[in-house]
Amino acid sequence: MLTIKCAACKTKIWRYDKIGPGEVLRCHKARIDKAYIRHGAIKDKIYCTCGKPIGIDKGSFYKMIPKAFTYSGTKRNK
């Protein structure tokens, strides 16, 4: 499980089950285990409580903005 945090204010965004190696480019909505904040979507962009955009809502997943978030934790192998 990875803990996704805002890069600007370090607020926890959600806990995500990452499968496989590689970068976090997408966060599938079905794999988000726990949402720590109520993220707002304005014109399909996901914003942190500090107002910085974190990702783009693409339907079944969020396309993450690479420099907008950090993460810690372990990734699960296939």
Protein backbone atom coordinates (compact mmCIF):
# COMPACT_ATOMS: atom_id res chain seq x y z
CA MET A 1 0.00 0.00 0.00
CA LEU A 2 1.17 3.47 -0.90
CA THR A 3 0.24 6.65 0.88
CA ILE A 4 -0.19 9.43 -1.68
CA LYS A 5 0.55 12.94 -0.34
CA CYS A 6 0.36 16.43 -1.81
CA ALA A 7 3.85 17.66 -2.75
CA ALA A 8 3.03 21.25 -1.75
CA CYS A 9 1.45 20.86 1.71
CA LYS A 10 2.23 17.19 2.56
CA THR A 11 -1.43 16.43 3.30
CA LYS A 12 -2.38 12.77 2.92
CA ILE A 13 -4.63 12.33 -0.12
CA TRP A 14 -5.41 8.59 -0.19
CA ARG A 15 -4.05 5.10 0.43
CA TYR A 16 -3.56 3.25 -2.84
CA ASP A 17 -2.89 -0.42 -3.69
CA LYS A 18 -0.14 -0.21 -6.35
CA ILE A 19 0.40 -3.44 -8.30
CA GLY A 20 3.70 -4.00 -10.09
CA PRO A 21 6.90 -2.00 -10.44
CA GLY A 22 7.16 1.41 -12.02
CA GLU A 23 5.99 4.92 -11.40
CA VAL A 24 2.54 5.95 -10.24
CA LEU A 25 1.09 7.33 -13.48
CA ARG A 26 -2.53 6.38 -12.83
CA CYS A 27 -4.55 5.69 -9.71
CA HIS A 28 -7.44 3.37 -10.46
CA LYS A 29 -10.48 4.30 -8.41
CA ALA A 30 -11.20 0.65 -7.52
CA ARG A 31 -7.77 0.33 -5.87
CA ILE A 32 -8.06 3.40 -3.63
CA ASP A 33 -8.38 1.86 -0.18
CA LYS A 34 -8.99 4.96 1.91
CA ALA A 35 -9.47 8.62 1.03
CA TYR A 36 -8.12 10.96 3.71
CA ILE A 37 -9.57 14.16 2.25
CA ARG A 38 -12.61 14.99 0.18
CA HIS A 39 -10.92 15.93 -3.06
CA GLY A 40 -12.78 18.29 -5.28
CA ALA A 41 -13.03 17.92 -9.04
CA ILE A 42 -13.39 21.09 -11.07
CA LYS A 43 -13.43 20.59 -14.86
CA ASP A 44 -12.11 17.03 -14.38
CA LYS A 45 -9.04 18.12 -12.34
CA ILE A 46 -8.52 16.76 -8.82
CA TYR A 47 -7.38 19.36 -6.28
CA CYS A 48 -5.87 19.07 -2.79
CA THR A 49 -7.28 21.14 0.06
CA CYS A 50 -4.41 23.62 -0.47
CA GLY A 51 -5.67 24.29 -4.01
CA LYS A 52 -2.95 22.55 -6.01
CA PRO A 53 -4.06 20.19 -8.82
CA ILE A 54 -3.01 16.55 -8.23
CA GLY A 55 -4.55 14.67 -11.13
CA ILE A 56 -7.12 14.52 -13.91
CA ASP A 57 -10.29 12.42 -13.67
CA LYS A 58 -10.42 10.07 -16.68
CA GLY A 59 -13.44 8.01 -15.66
CA SER A 60 -12.27 4.77 -14.04
CA PHE A 61 -8.87 6.19 -13.01
CA TYR A 62 -7.07 9.42 -12.13
CA LYS A 63 -4.17 10.44 -14.37
CA MET A 64 -1.65 11.79 -11.87
CA ILE A 65 0.40 14.96 -12.37
CA PRO A 66 3.97 13.72 -11.72
CA LYS A 67 5.39 16.67 -9.70
CA ALA A 68 2.18 17.33 -7.75
CA PHE A 69 2.37 14.39 -5.32
CA THR A 70 4.75 12.19 -3.37
CA TYR A 71 4.25 8.67 -2.07
CA SER A 72 5.64 6.32 0.54
CA GLY A 73 5.06 2.66 1.24
CA THR A 74 5.52 -0.57 -0.67
CA LYS A 75 4.30 -1.70 -4.08
CA ARG A 76 2.72 -5.13 -4.52
CA ASN A 77 4.19 -7.55 -7.05
CA LYS A 78 1.95 -9.25 -9.60
